Amino acid sequence: MINVLYIGNNLKNKRSNISGIHTLGALLEGDGFSVYYASSQSNKLFRLLDMLWSVLRLQKNIDFVLIDTYSTQNFYYALLVSQLCRVLKLPYIPILHGGNLASRLKKSPKLSTSLFKYAKCNVSPSPFLKEVFEQHGYNAIHIPNSIEIENYPFKNKTYDTPRLLWVRSFSEIYNPKLAIQVFNKLKKSYPNATLCMVGPDSDGTLKAVKELALELNLDVKFTGKLTKSEWIALSDDYNIFINTTNVDNTPISVIEAMALGLPIVSTNVGGLPFLISHTEDGLLVPLKDVSTMANAIIKLQSDPNLRMKLIANARKKSEQFDWVSVKPLWKSLLS
């Protein structure tokens, strides 16, 4: 049996969404790996100490250390854990989640070298970051984010009016205000349109989004954090998925929406053009462009041939992310 220590934010509270450590860890366990986790501590200092202590405590019992790696504050968690792994001669594998990691490589070249150069391998869920890391001279492979496709029932929708679904944590980098602004513009053409926004408040942005909706006199449904099964059930009531992010890699929520038969309208940033082929399996629009996103939604609403093509192609693409297809890549890496 292969023993893995998975380092990441294993938080289970109202302010955190389900992350890679929850999904990939469970899939690896289900396939026979022994997986330890760190950390579920909510205090950031205690979380870091728990991560480092777990490496020290388990060093003789583990074969690999997986490290969820982001571009902002969590970058330093990954850096410190990786340096401890180097001292202990433990092979470690950063999993590159941060959509803004390309900027981090330029902003912190020496720290990036310390983290990424000495890894067994750097795993990128998107071809976008794999390409970026290779351009900087780092060894990287592409292993997609994974879903279990049987958990995502493909359902046909009705399109009498746009019923928009947004699923993400409320954070400035995901630009949830854009969803409100697009909805406001859309209501001029479709007075009965609806918008539901699902996710926890991670940085206080939710308050500002609610205030904007109130200011514009818009009735928006805010559900807070939902479990995966809860938001999948909720998705039955909606017919278009919008992704408004300013920075991104390969968001699992977009892959899930593709699997559920929801046509996608997304900002064209980061790894998203590597995930979505414009006019083939989704629609991509410029960053922070209210009018173009609203017009893309109207186009989906009014053009059934385009809509049906996007939905069918997106579902087919989502099947490539099924764990059955992805797990051989992890088994090969961790063997």
C-alpha atoms as a PDB file:
ATOM      1  CA  MET A   1       0.000   0.000   0.000  1.00  0.00           C
ATOM      2  CA  ILE A   2       1.200   3.502  -0.859  1.00  0.00           C
ATOM      3  CA  ASN A   3       0.993   6.011   1.992  1.00  0.00           C
ATOM      4  CA  VAL A   4       0.365   9.673   1.189  1.00  0.00           C
ATOM      5  CA  LEU A   5       0.279  12.779   3.355  1.00  0.00           C
ATOM      6  CA  TYR A   6      -2.015  15.356   1.756  1.00  0.00           C
ATOM      7  CA  ILE A   7      -1.259  18.934   2.797  1.00  0.00           C
ATOM      8  CA  GLY A   8      -3.962  21.520   2.207  1.00  0.00           C
ATOM      9  CA  ASN A   9      -6.780  23.494   3.754  1.00  0.00           C
ATOM     10  CA  ASN A  10      -8.858  20.617   5.042  1.00  0.00           C
ATOM     11  CA  LEU A  11     -11.371  23.058   6.483  1.00  0.00           C
ATOM     12  CA  LYS A  12     -15.022  22.165   6.976  1.00  0.00           C
ATOM     13  CA  ASN A  13     -16.727  25.401   7.912  1.00  0.00           C
ATOM     14  CA  LYS A  14     -19.159  27.938   6.489  1.00  0.00           C
ATOM     15  CA  ARG A  15     -16.364  30.084   4.989  1.00  0.00           C
ATOM     16  CA  SER A  16     -14.684  27.395   2.894  1.00  0.00           C
ATOM     17  CA  ASN A  17     -15.721  25.553  -0.240  1.00  0.00           C
ATOM     18  CA  ILE A  18     -14.930  21.933  -0.978  1.00  0.00           C
ATOM     19  CA  SER A  19     -11.350  21.868  -2.279  1.00  0.00           C
ATOM     20  CA  GLY A  20      -8.923  19.439  -3.886  1.00  0.00           C
ATOM     21  CA  ILE A  21      -7.915  17.893  -0.575  1.00  0.00           C
ATOM     22  CA  HIS A  22     -11.530  16.789  -0.016  1.00  0.00           C
ATOM     23  CA  THR A  23     -12.169  15.448  -3.516  1.00  0.00           C
ATOM     24  CA  LEU A  24      -8.842  13.972  -4.644  1.00  0.00           C
ATOM     25  CA  GLY A  25      -8.042  12.626  -1.177  1.00  0.00           C
ATOM     26  CA  ALA A  26     -11.305  10.693  -1.040  1.00  0.00           C
ATOM     27  CA  LEU A  27     -10.813   9.324  -4.555  1.00  0.00           C
ATOM     28  CA  LEU A  28      -7.292   8.127  -3.731  1.00  0.00           C
ATOM     29  CA  GLU A  29      -8.532   6.470  -0.548  1.00  0.00           C
ATOM     30  CA  GLY A  30     -11.276   4.747  -2.502  1.00  0.00           C
ATOM     31  CA  ASP A  31      -8.663   3.342  -4.837  1.00  0.00           C
ATOM     32  CA  GLY A  32      -6.532   1.741  -2.131  1.00  0.00           C
ATOM     33  CA  PHE A  33      -4.138   4.500  -1.103  1.00  0.00           C
ATOM     34  CA  SER A  34      -3.619   5.263   2.577  1.00  0.00           C
ATOM     35  CA  VAL A  35      -4.088   9.021   2.946  1.00  0.00           C
ATOM     36  CA  TYR A  36      -3.270  11.242   5.937  1.00  0.00           C
ATOM     37  CA  TYR A  37      -4.445  14.860   5.991  1.00  0.00           C
ATOM     38  CA  ALA A  38      -3.281  18.226   7.334  1.00  0.00           C
ATOM     39  CA  SER A  39      -4.739  20.534   8.271  1.00  0.00           C
ATOM     40  CA  SER A  40      -8.257  21.164   9.548  1.00  0.00           C
ATOM     41  CA  GLN A  41      -7.121  23.893  11.968  1.00  0.00           C
ATOM     42  CA  SER A  42      -9.058  27.135  11.354  1.00  0.00           C
ATOM     43  CA  ASN A  43      -6.394  29.391  12.891  1.00  0.00           C
ATOM     44  CA  LYS A  44      -3.817  30.068  10.172  1.00  0.00           C
ATOM     45  CA  LEU A  45      -0.758  29.826  12.427  1.00  0.00           C
ATOM     46  CA  PHE A  46      -1.998  26.617  14.044  1.00  0.00           C
ATOM     47  CA  ARG A  47      -2.810  25.258  10.584  1.00  0.00           C
ATOM     48  CA  LEU A  48       0.752  25.844   9.398  1.00  0.00           C
ATOM     49  CA  LEU A  49       2.223  24.319  12.568  1.00  0.00           C
ATOM     50  CA  ASP A  50      -0.046  21.300  12.205  1.00  0.00           C
ATOM     51  CA  MET A  51       1.078  20.840   8.594  1.00  0.00           C
ATOM     52  CA  LEU A  52       4.742  20.940   9.584  1.00  0.00           C
ATOM     53  CA  TRP A  53       4.207  18.698  12.609  1.00  0.00           C
ATOM     54  CA  SER A  54       2.351  16.161  10.462  1.00  0.00           C
ATOM     55  CA  VAL A  55       5.325  15.932   8.101  1.00  0.00           C
ATOM     56  CA  LEU A  56       7.692  15.420  11.042  1.00  0.00           C
ATOM     57  CA  ARG A  57       5.426  12.970  12.837  1.00  0.00           C
ATOM     58  CA  LEU A  58       4.620  10.828   9.806  1.00  0.00           C
ATOM     59  CA  GLN A  59       7.930  11.007   7.929  1.00  0.00           C
ATOM     60  CA  LYS A  60       8.701   7.291   8.435  1.00  0.00           C
ATOM     61  CA  ASN A  61       5.188   6.180   7.471  1.00  0.00           C
ATOM     62  CA  ILE A  62       4.652   8.014   4.202  1.00  0.00           C
ATOM     63  CA  ASP A  63       5.914   7.624   0.654  1.00  0.00           C
ATOM     64  CA  PHE A  64       4.826  10.973  -0.808  1.00  0.00           C
ATOM     65  CA  VAL A  65       3.625  14.386   0.325  1.00  0.00           C
ATOM     66  CA  LEU A  66       0.990  16.061  -1.845  1.00  0.00           C
ATOM     67  CA  ILE A  67       0.785  19.837  -1.359  1.00  0.00           C
ATOM     68  CA  ASP A  68      -2.142  21.931  -2.597  1.00  0.00           C
ATOM     69  CA  THR A  69      -0.400  25.060  -3.863  1.00  0.00           C
ATOM     70  CA  TYR A  70      -2.021  28.439  -4.428  1.00  0.00           C
ATOM     71  CA  SER A  71      -0.688  31.823  -5.452  1.00  0.00           C
ATOM     72  CA  THR A  72      -1.455  34.013  -2.437  1.00  0.00           C
ATOM     73  CA  GLN A  73      -0.949  33.427   1.295  1.00  0.00           C
ATOM     74  CA  ASN A  74      -1.167  29.650   0.979  1.00  0.00           C
ATOM     75  CA  PHE A  75       1.887  29.774  -1.278  1.00  0.00           C
ATOM     76  CA  TYR A  76       3.989  30.251   1.855  1.00  0.00           C
ATOM     77  CA  TYR A  77       2.411  27.218   3.543  1.00  0.00           C
ATOM     78  CA  ALA A  78       3.441  25.133   0.543  1.00  0.00           C
ATOM     79  CA  LEU A  79       6.917  26.684   0.525  1.00  0.00           C
ATOM     80  CA  LEU A  80       7.624  25.923   4.190  1.00  0.00           C
ATOM     81  CA  VAL A  81       6.254  22.383   3.964  1.00  0.00           C
ATOM     82  CA  SER A  82       8.323  21.716   0.855  1.00  0.00           C
ATOM     83  CA  GLN A  83      11.529  22.883   2.536  1.00  0.00           C
ATOM     84  CA  LEU A  84      10.908  20.577   5.484  1.00  0.00           C
ATOM     85  CA  CYS A  85      10.343  17.737   3.014  1.00  0.00           C
ATOM     86  CA  ARG A  86      13.674  18.547   1.380  1.00  0.00           C
ATOM     87  CA  VAL A  87      15.472  18.394   4.739  1.00  0.00           C
ATOM     88  CA  LEU A  88      13.825  15.047   5.522  1.00  0.00           C
ATOM     89  CA  LYS A  89      14.391  13.748   1.967  1.00  0.00           C
ATOM     90  CA  LEU A  90      10.673  13.131   1.474  1.00  0.00           C
ATOM     91  CA  PRO A  91       9.436  13.303  -2.121  1.00  0.00           C
ATOM     92  CA  TYR A  92       6.812  16.022  -2.421  1.00  0.00           C
ATOM     93  CA  ILE A  93       4.418  16.960  -5.219  1.00  0.00           C
ATOM     94  CA  PRO A  94       2.875  20.445  -5.461  1.00  0.00           C
ATOM     95  CA  ILE A  95      -0.611  20.426  -6.994  1.00  0.00           C
ATOM     96  CA  LEU A  96      -0.968  23.743  -8.802  1.00  0.00           C
ATOM     97  CA  HIS A  97      -4.388  25.202  -8.017  1.00  0.00           C
ATOM     98  CA  GLY A  98      -3.721  28.923  -7.968  1.00  0.00           C
ATOM     99  CA  GLY A  99      -4.967  30.635 -11.111  1.00  0.00           C
ATOM    100  CA  ASN A 100      -2.472  33.434 -10.461  1.00  0.00           C
ATOM    101  CA  LEU A 101       0.563  31.192  -9.991  1.00  0.00           C
ATOM    102  CA  ALA A 102       1.972  32.514 -13.269  1.00  0.00           C
ATOM    103  CA  SER A 103       2.313  35.916 -11.607  1.00  0.00           C
ATOM    104  CA  ARG A 104       3.772  34.350  -8.470  1.00  0.00           C
ATOM    105  CA  LEU A 105       6.588  32.771 -10.525  1.00  0.00           C
ATOM    106  CA  LYS A 106       7.567  36.243 -11.745  1.00  0.00           C
ATOM    107  CA  LYS A 107       7.003  38.005  -8.437  1.00  0.00           C
ATOM    108  CA  SER A 108       8.945  35.509  -6.285  1.00  0.00           C
ATOM    109  CA  PRO A 109      11.457  33.738  -8.545  1.00  0.00           C
ATOM    110  CA  LYS A 110      13.840  32.585  -5.779  1.00  0.00           C
ATOM    111  CA  LEU A 111      11.093  31.270  -3.512  1.00  0.00           C
ATOM    112  CA  SER A 112       9.437  29.617  -6.499  1.00  0.00           C
ATOM    113  CA  THR A 113      12.684  27.882  -7.373  1.00  0.00           C
ATOM    114  CA  SER A 114      13.005  26.574  -3.801  1.00  0.00           C
ATOM    115  CA  LEU A 115       9.499  25.137  -3.966  1.00  0.00           C
ATOM    116  CA  PHE A 116       9.103  23.893  -7.525  1.00  0.00           C
ATOM    117  CA  LYS A 117      12.606  22.968  -8.711  1.00  0.00           C
ATOM    118  CA  TYR A 118      13.150  20.218  -6.139  1.00  0.00           C
ATOM    119  CA  ALA A 119       9.684  18.636  -6.333  1.00  0.00           C
ATOM    120  CA  LYS A 120       9.339  15.078  -7.565  1.00  0.00           C
ATOM    121  CA  CYS A 121       6.979  16.650 -10.064  1.00  0.00           C
ATOM    122  CA  ASN A 122       4.611  19.605 -10.277  1.00  0.00           C
ATOM    123  CA  VAL A 123       1.067  18.532 -11.096  1.00  0.00           C
ATOM    124  CA  SER A 124      -1.079  20.981 -13.034  1.00  0.00           C
ATOM    125  CA  PRO A 125      -4.831  20.408 -13.349  1.00  0.00           C
ATOM    126  CA  SER A 126      -4.749  22.520 -16.526  1.00  0.00           C
ATOM    127  CA  PRO A 127      -2.577  22.540 -19.661  1.00  0.00           C
ATOM    128  CA  PHE A 128      -2.353  26.310 -19.116  1.00  0.00           C
ATOM    129  CA  LEU A 129      -0.275  26.142 -15.935  1.00  0.00           C
ATOM    130  CA  LYS A 130       1.720  23.160 -17.222  1.00  0.00           C
ATOM    131  CA  GLU A 131       2.804  25.314 -20.145  1.00  0.00           C
ATOM    132  CA  VAL A 132       3.610  28.274 -17.875  1.00  0.00           C
ATOM    133  CA  PHE A 133       5.720  26.137 -15.534  1.00  0.00           C
ATOM    134  CA  GLU A 134       7.622  24.507 -18.384  1.00  0.00           C
ATOM    135  CA  GLN A 135       8.402  27.949 -19.793  1.00  0.00           C
ATOM    136  CA  HIS A 136      10.010  28.759 -16.423  1.00  0.00           C
ATOM    137  CA  GLY A 137      12.061  25.566 -16.546  1.00  0.00           C
ATOM    138  CA  TYR A 138      10.062  23.483 -14.051  1.00  0.00           C
ATOM    139  CA  ASN A 139       9.101  19.850 -14.492  1.00  0.00           C
ATOM    140  CA  ALA A 140       5.307  19.693 -14.752  1.00  0.00           C
ATOM    141  CA  ILE A 141       2.708  17.190 -15.836  1.00  0.00           C
ATOM    142  CA  HIS A 142      -0.987  17.627 -16.532  1.00  0.00           C
ATOM    143  CA  ILE A 143      -3.416  15.600 -14.409  1.00  0.00           C
ATOM    144  CA  PRO A 144      -6.947  17.028 -14.661  1.00  0.00           C
ATOM    145  CA  ASN A 145      -9.246  17.747 -11.765  1.00  0.00           C
ATOM    146  CA  SER A 146     -11.552  14.781 -11.458  1.00  0.00           C
ATOM    147  CA  ILE A 147     -15.228  14.080 -10.926  1.00  0.00           C
ATOM    148  CA  GLU A 148     -17.239  10.873 -10.659  1.00  0.00           C
ATOM    149  CA  ILE A 149     -19.485  11.285 -13.668  1.00  0.00           C
ATOM    150  CA  GLU A 150     -22.260   9.038 -12.326  1.00  0.00           C
ATOM    151  CA  ASN A 151     -22.928  11.670  -9.637  1.00  0.00           C
ATOM    152  CA  TYR A 152     -23.897  14.245 -12.273  1.00  0.00           C
ATOM    153  CA  PRO A 153     -27.203  13.412 -13.960  1.00  0.00           C
ATOM    154  CA  PHE A 154     -27.487  14.986 -17.381  1.00  0.00           C
ATOM    155  CA  LYS A 155     -30.876  16.688 -17.649  1.00  0.00           C
ATOM    156  CA  ASN A 156     -32.589  18.625 -20.402  1.00  0.00           C
ATOM    157  CA  LYS A 157     -33.655  22.139 -19.422  1.00  0.00           C
ATOM    158  CA  THR A 158     -36.422  24.470 -20.510  1.00  0.00           C
ATOM    159  CA  TYR A 159     -35.459  27.919 -21.794  1.00  0.00           C
ATOM    160  CA  ASP A 160     -38.553  30.049 -21.344  1.00  0.00           C
ATOM    161  CA  THR A 161     -36.383  32.621 -19.516  1.00  0.00           C
ATOM    162  CA  PRO A 162     -32.746  32.723 -18.330  1.00  0.00           C
ATOM    163  CA  ARG A 163     -32.304  31.111 -14.923  1.00  0.00           C
ATOM    164  CA  LEU A 164     -28.691  31.770 -13.997  1.00  0.00           C
ATOM    165  CA  LEU A 165     -26.599  29.726 -11.574  1.00  0.00           C
ATOM    166  CA  TRP A 166     -23.282  30.933 -10.088  1.00  0.00           C
ATOM    167  CA  VAL A 167     -21.248  28.602  -7.845  1.00  0.00           C
ATOM    168  CA  ARG A 168     -18.048  29.801  -6.158  1.00  0.00           C
ATOM    169  CA  SER A 169     -16.807  31.286  -2.918  1.00  0.00           C
ATOM    170  CA  PHE A 170     -17.481  35.008  -2.549  1.00  0.00           C
ATOM    171  CA  SER A 171     -14.034  36.476  -3.100  1.00  0.00           C
ATOM    172  CA  GLU A 172     -12.835  39.523  -5.022  1.00  0.00           C
ATOM    173  CA  ILE A 173     -10.770  37.419  -7.434  1.00  0.00           C
ATOM    174  CA  TYR A 174     -13.938  35.609  -8.546  1.00  0.00           C
ATOM    175  CA  ASN A 175     -15.718  38.943  -9.181  1.00  0.00           C
ATOM    176  CA  PRO A 176     -19.223  37.978  -7.999  1.00  0.00           C
ATOM    177  CA  LYS A 177     -20.375  41.580  -8.523  1.00  0.00           C
ATOM    178  CA  LEU A 178     -20.183  40.931 -12.261  1.00  0.00           C
ATOM    179  CA  ALA A 179     -22.972  38.354 -11.896  1.00  0.00           C
ATOM    180  CA  ILE A 180     -25.213  41.006 -10.326  1.00  0.00           C
ATOM    181  CA  GLN A 181     -24.366  43.565 -13.023  1.00  0.00           C
ATOM    182  CA  VAL A 182     -25.022  41.056 -15.827  1.00  0.00           C
ATOM    183  CA  PHE A 183     -28.297  40.006 -14.207  1.00  0.00           C
ATOM    184  CA  ASN A 184     -29.355  43.638 -13.974  1.00  0.00           C
ATOM    185  CA  LYS A 185     -28.726  44.159 -17.684  1.00  0.00           C
ATOM    186  CA  LEU A 186     -30.426  40.886 -18.589  1.00  0.00           C
ATOM    187  CA  LYS A 187     -33.609  41.828 -16.710  1.00  0.00           C
ATOM    188  CA  LYS A 188     -34.240  44.563 -19.291  1.00  0.00           C
ATOM    189  CA  SER A 189     -34.734  41.873 -21.952  1.00  0.00           C
ATOM    190  CA  TYR A 190     -36.060  39.125 -19.686  1.00  0.00           C
ATOM    191  CA  PRO A 191     -37.994  40.576 -16.723  1.00  0.00           C
ATOM    192  CA  ASN A 192     -38.652  37.070 -15.337  1.00  0.00           C
ATOM    193  CA  ALA A 193     -34.981  36.025 -15.356  1.00  0.00           C
ATOM    194  CA  THR A 194     -33.572  34.679 -12.085  1.00  0.00           C
ATOM    195  CA  LEU A 195     -30.142  34.400 -10.486  1.00  0.00           C
ATOM    196  CA  CYS A 196     -28.966  32.056  -7.754  1.00  0.00           C
ATOM    197  CA  MET A 197     -25.509  32.447  -6.187  1.00  0.00           C
ATOM    198  CA  VAL A 198     -24.111  29.495  -4.244  1.00  0.00           C
ATOM    199  CA  GLY A 199     -21.041  29.605  -2.026  1.00  0.00           C
ATOM    200  CA  PRO A 200     -19.498  30.758   1.238  1.00  0.00           C
ATOM    201  CA  ASP A 201     -18.153  34.224   1.986  1.00  0.00           C
ATOM    202  CA  SER A 202     -14.375  33.933   2.040  1.00  0.00           C
ATOM    203  CA  ASP A 203     -13.224  37.573   2.291  1.00  0.00           C
ATOM    204  CA  GLY A 204     -16.247  39.721   3.146  1.00  0.00           C
ATOM    205  CA  THR A 205     -17.277  40.199  -0.497  1.00  0.00           C
ATOM    206  CA  LEU A 206     -20.734  38.694   0.047  1.00  0.00           C
ATOM    207  CA  LYS A 207     -21.901  41.776   1.960  1.00  0.00           C
ATOM    208  CA  ALA A 208     -20.921  44.082  -0.909  1.00  0.00           C
ATOM    209  CA  VAL A 209     -22.627  41.803  -3.450  1.00  0.00           C
ATOM    210  CA  LYS A 210     -25.864  41.766  -1.450  1.00  0.00           C
ATOM    211  CA  GLU A 211     -25.720  45.546  -1.103  1.00  0.00           C
ATOM    212  CA  LEU A 212     -25.311  45.924  -4.871  1.00  0.00           C
ATOM    213  CA  ALA A 213     -28.306  43.648  -5.508  1.00  0.00           C
ATOM    214  CA  LEU A 214     -30.366  45.696  -3.046  1.00  0.00           C
ATOM    215  CA  GLU A 215     -29.243  48.972  -4.615  1.00  0.00           C
ATOM    216  CA  LEU A 216     -30.331  47.718  -8.056  1.00  0.00           C
ATOM    217  CA  ASN A 217     -33.595  46.336  -6.637  1.00  0.00           C
ATOM    218  CA  LEU A 218     -32.757  42.807  -7.785  1.00  0.00           C
ATOM    219  CA  ASP A 219     -34.191  39.688  -6.200  1.00  0.00           C
ATOM    220  CA  VAL A 220     -31.179  37.352  -6.038  1.00  0.00           C
ATOM    221  CA  LYS A 221     -31.156  34.017  -4.230  1.00  0.00           C
ATOM    222  CA  PHE A 222     -28.118  33.575  -1.965  1.00  0.00           C
ATOM    223  CA  THR A 223     -27.887  30.044  -0.555  1.00  0.00           C
ATOM    224  CA  GLY A 224     -24.595  30.233   1.352  1.00  0.00           C
ATOM    225  CA  LYS A 225     -22.393  27.168   1.328  1.00  0.00           C
ATOM    226  CA  LEU A 226     -24.051  23.975   0.084  1.00  0.00           C
ATOM    227  CA  THR A 227     -22.794  20.428  -0.048  1.00  0.00           C
ATOM    228  CA  LYS A 228     -22.045  19.069  -3.499  1.00  0.00           C
ATOM    229  CA  SER A 229     -25.192  16.937  -3.524  1.00  0.00           C
ATOM    230  CA  GLU A 230     -27.274  19.944  -2.424  1.00  0.00           C
ATOM    231  CA  TRP A 231     -26.114  22.240  -5.208  1.00  0.00           C
ATOM    232  CA  ILE A 232     -26.391  19.473  -7.800  1.00  0.00           C
ATOM    233  CA  ALA A 233     -30.040  19.028  -6.757  1.00  0.00           C
ATOM    234  CA  LEU A 234     -30.522  22.813  -6.841  1.00  0.00           C
ATOM    235  CA  SER A 235     -29.134  22.978 -10.383  1.00  0.00           C
ATOM    236  CA  ASP A 236     -32.345  21.337 -11.665  1.00  0.00           C
ATOM    237  CA  ASP A 237     -34.046  24.732 -11.284  1.00  0.00           C
ATOM    238  CA  TYR A 238     -31.529  26.641 -13.446  1.00  0.00           C
ATOM    239  CA  ASN A 239     -30.556  26.545 -17.101  1.00  0.00           C
ATOM    240  CA  ILE A 240     -27.354  28.589 -17.631  1.00  0.00           C
ATOM    241  CA  PHE A 241     -24.134  28.550 -15.611  1.00  0.00           C
ATOM    242  CA  ILE A 242     -22.082  31.742 -15.399  1.00  0.00           C
ATOM    243  CA  ASN A 243     -18.455  32.013 -14.291  1.00  0.00           C
ATOM    244  CA  THR A 244     -17.342  35.592 -13.623  1.00  0.00           C
ATOM    245  CA  THR A 245     -13.818  35.133 -12.300  1.00  0.00           C
ATOM    246  CA  ASN A 246     -10.903  37.541 -12.825  1.00  0.00           C
ATOM    247  CA  VAL A 247      -8.263  34.845 -12.222  1.00  0.00           C
ATOM    248  CA  ASP A 248      -8.654  31.103 -12.584  1.00  0.00           C
ATOM    249  CA  ASN A 249      -7.081  27.766 -13.385  1.00  0.00           C
ATOM    250  CA  THR A 250      -9.463  24.846 -14.048  1.00  0.00           C
ATOM    251  CA  PRO A 251     -12.484  25.340 -11.777  1.00  0.00           C
ATOM    252  CA  ILE A 252     -14.139  22.080 -10.835  1.00  0.00           C
ATOM    253  CA  SER A 253     -17.533  23.829 -10.586  1.00  0.00           C
ATOM    254  CA  VAL A 254     -17.386  24.598 -14.318  1.00  0.00           C
ATOM    255  CA  ILE A 255     -16.578  20.968 -15.141  1.00  0.00           C
ATOM    256  CA  GLU A 256     -19.479  19.886 -12.920  1.00  0.00           C
ATOM    257  CA  ALA A 257     -21.857  22.298 -14.665  1.00  0.00           C
ATOM    258  CA  MET A 258     -20.782  20.915 -18.042  1.00  0.00           C
ATOM    259  CA  ALA A 259     -21.572  17.405 -16.788  1.00  0.00           C
ATOM    260  CA  LEU A 260     -25.017  18.494 -15.587  1.00  0.00           C
ATOM    261  CA  GLY A 261     -26.069  19.839 -18.981  1.00  0.00           C
ATOM    262  CA  LEU A 262     -25.822  23.537 -18.092  1.00  0.00           C
ATOM    263  CA  PRO A 263     -24.427  25.673 -20.942  1.00  0.00           C
ATOM    264  CA  ILE A 264     -21.494  27.770 -19.746  1.00  0.00           C
ATOM    265  CA  VAL A 265     -20.776  31.464 -20.144  1.00  0.00           C
ATOM    266  CA  SER A 266     -17.386  32.314 -18.634  1.00  0.00           C
ATOM    267  CA  THR A 267     -14.782  35.034 -18.564  1.00  0.00           C
ATOM    268  CA  ASN A 268     -11.841  34.237 -20.820  1.00  0.00           C
ATOM    269  CA  VAL A 269      -9.032  34.182 -18.240  1.00  0.00           C
ATOM    270  CA  GLY A 270      -6.217  31.910 -17.052  1.00  0.00           C
ATOM    271  CA  GLY A 271      -6.816  28.252 -17.801  1.00  0.00           C
ATOM    272  CA  LEU A 272     -10.437  28.643 -18.922  1.00  0.00           C
ATOM    273  CA  PRO A 273      -9.720  28.819 -22.679  1.00  0.00           C
ATOM    274  CA  PHE A 274      -7.859  25.519 -22.210  1.00  0.00           C
ATOM    275  CA  LEU A 275     -11.020  24.047 -20.659  1.00  0.00           C
ATOM    276  CA  ILE A 276     -13.695  25.710 -22.803  1.00  0.00           C
ATOM    277  CA  SER A 277     -13.545  25.940 -26.601  1.00  0.00           C
ATOM    278  CA  HIS A 278     -15.445  29.087 -27.518  1.00  0.00           C
ATOM    279  CA  THR A 279     -18.674  28.357 -29.472  1.00  0.00           C
ATOM    280  CA  GLU A 280     -17.923  24.602 -29.308  1.00  0.00           C
ATOM    281  CA  ASP A 281     -18.643  23.652 -25.686  1.00  0.00           C
ATOM    282  CA  GLY A 282     -19.191  27.035 -24.033  1.00  0.00           C
ATOM    283  CA  LEU A 283     -18.999  30.768 -24.567  1.00  0.00           C
ATOM    284  CA  LEU A 284     -16.042  32.892 -23.459  1.00  0.00           C
ATOM    285  CA  VAL A 285     -16.287  36.632 -22.897  1.00  0.00           C
ATOM    286  CA  PRO A 286     -13.742  39.337 -22.000  1.00  0.00           C
ATOM    287  CA  LEU A 287     -12.837  40.092 -18.408  1.00  0.00           C
ATOM    288  CA  LYS A 288     -15.274  42.388 -16.513  1.00  0.00           C
ATOM    289  CA  ASP A 289     -17.392  42.928 -19.656  1.00  0.00           C
ATOM    290  CA  VAL A 290     -21.022  43.205 -18.518  1.00  0.00           C
ATOM    291  CA  SER A 291     -22.558  43.797 -21.951  1.00  0.00           C
ATOM    292  CA  THR A 292     -20.757  40.966 -23.718  1.00  0.00           C
ATOM    293  CA  MET A 293     -21.617  38.443 -21.007  1.00  0.00           C
ATOM    294  CA  ALA A 294     -25.275  39.525 -21.016  1.00  0.00           C
ATOM    295  CA  ASN A 295     -25.373  39.300 -24.820  1.00  0.00           C
ATOM    296  CA  ALA A 296     -23.825  35.819 -24.694  1.00  0.00           C
ATOM    297  CA  ILE A 297     -26.604  34.703 -22.356  1.00  0.00           C
ATOM    298  CA  ILE A 298     -29.213  36.210 -24.699  1.00  0.00           C
ATOM    299  CA  LYS A 299     -27.565  34.379 -27.609  1.00  0.00           C
ATOM    300  CA  LEU A 300     -27.857  31.073 -25.727  1.00  0.00           C
ATOM    301  CA  GLN A 301     -31.463  31.835 -24.925  1.00  0.00           C
ATOM    302  CA  SER A 302     -32.429  32.707 -28.496  1.00  0.00           C
ATOM    303  CA  ASP A 303     -30.352  30.202 -30.511  1.00  0.00           C
ATOM    304  CA  PRO A 304     -31.434  26.629 -29.678  1.00  0.00           C
ATOM    305  CA  ASN A 305     -29.094  25.060 -32.247  1.00  0.00           C
ATOM    306  CA  LEU A 306     -26.044  26.698 -30.711  1.00  0.00           C
ATOM    307  CA  ARG A 307     -27.278  25.890 -27.223  1.00  0.00           C
ATOM    308  CA  MET A 308     -27.833  22.201 -27.972  1.00  0.00           C
ATOM    309  CA  LYS A 309     -24.399  21.919 -29.596  1.00  0.00           C
ATOM    310  CA  LEU A 310     -22.654  23.509 -26.610  1.00  0.00           C
ATOM    311  CA  ILE A 311     -24.516  21.328 -24.103  1.00  0.00           C
ATOM    312  CA  ALA A 312     -23.813  18.053 -25.939  1.00  0.00           C
ATOM    313  CA  ASN A 313     -20.141  18.841 -26.511  1.00  0.00           C
ATOM    314  CA  ALA A 314     -19.646  20.037 -22.931  1.00  0.00           C
ATOM    315  CA  ARG A 315     -21.123  16.861 -21.466  1.00  0.00           C
ATOM    316  CA  LYS A 316     -18.861  14.787 -23.713  1.00  0.00           C
ATOM    317  CA  LYS A 317     -15.827  16.794 -22.597  1.00  0.00           C
ATOM    318  CA  SER A 318     -16.763  16.473 -18.923  1.00  0.00           C
ATOM    319  CA  GLU A 319     -16.630  12.688 -19.245  1.00  0.00           C
ATOM    320  CA  GLN A 320     -12.880  12.996 -19.856  1.00  0.00           C
ATOM    321  CA  PHE A 321     -12.572  14.164 -16.235  1.00  0.00           C
ATOM    322  CA  ASP A 322     -14.173  11.045 -14.793  1.00  0.00           C
ATOM    323  CA  TRP A 323     -12.022   9.382 -12.118  1.00  0.00           C
ATOM    324  CA  VAL A 324     -11.886   6.188 -14.181  1.00  0.00           C
ATOM    325  CA  SER A 325      -9.896   8.133 -16.789  1.00  0.00           C
ATOM    326  CA  VAL A 326      -7.811  10.214 -14.373  1.00  0.00           C
ATOM    327  CA  LYS A 327      -6.787   7.653 -11.741  1.00  0.00           C
ATOM    328  CA  PRO A 328      -4.220   5.829 -13.956  1.00  0.00           C
ATOM    329  CA  LEU A 329      -2.264   9.095 -14.152  1.00  0.00           C
ATOM    330  CA  TRP A 330      -2.119   9.370 -10.354  1.00  0.00           C
ATOM    331  CA  LYS A 331      -1.290   5.687  -9.969  1.00  0.00           C
ATOM    332  CA  SER A 332       1.582   6.040 -12.408  1.00  0.00           C
ATOM    333  CA  LEU A 333       2.947   9.114 -10.617  1.00  0.00           C
ATOM    334  CA  LEU A 334       2.647   7.644  -7.121  1.00  0.00           C
ATOM    335  CA  SER A 335       3.799   4.114  -7.932  1.00  0.00           C
END
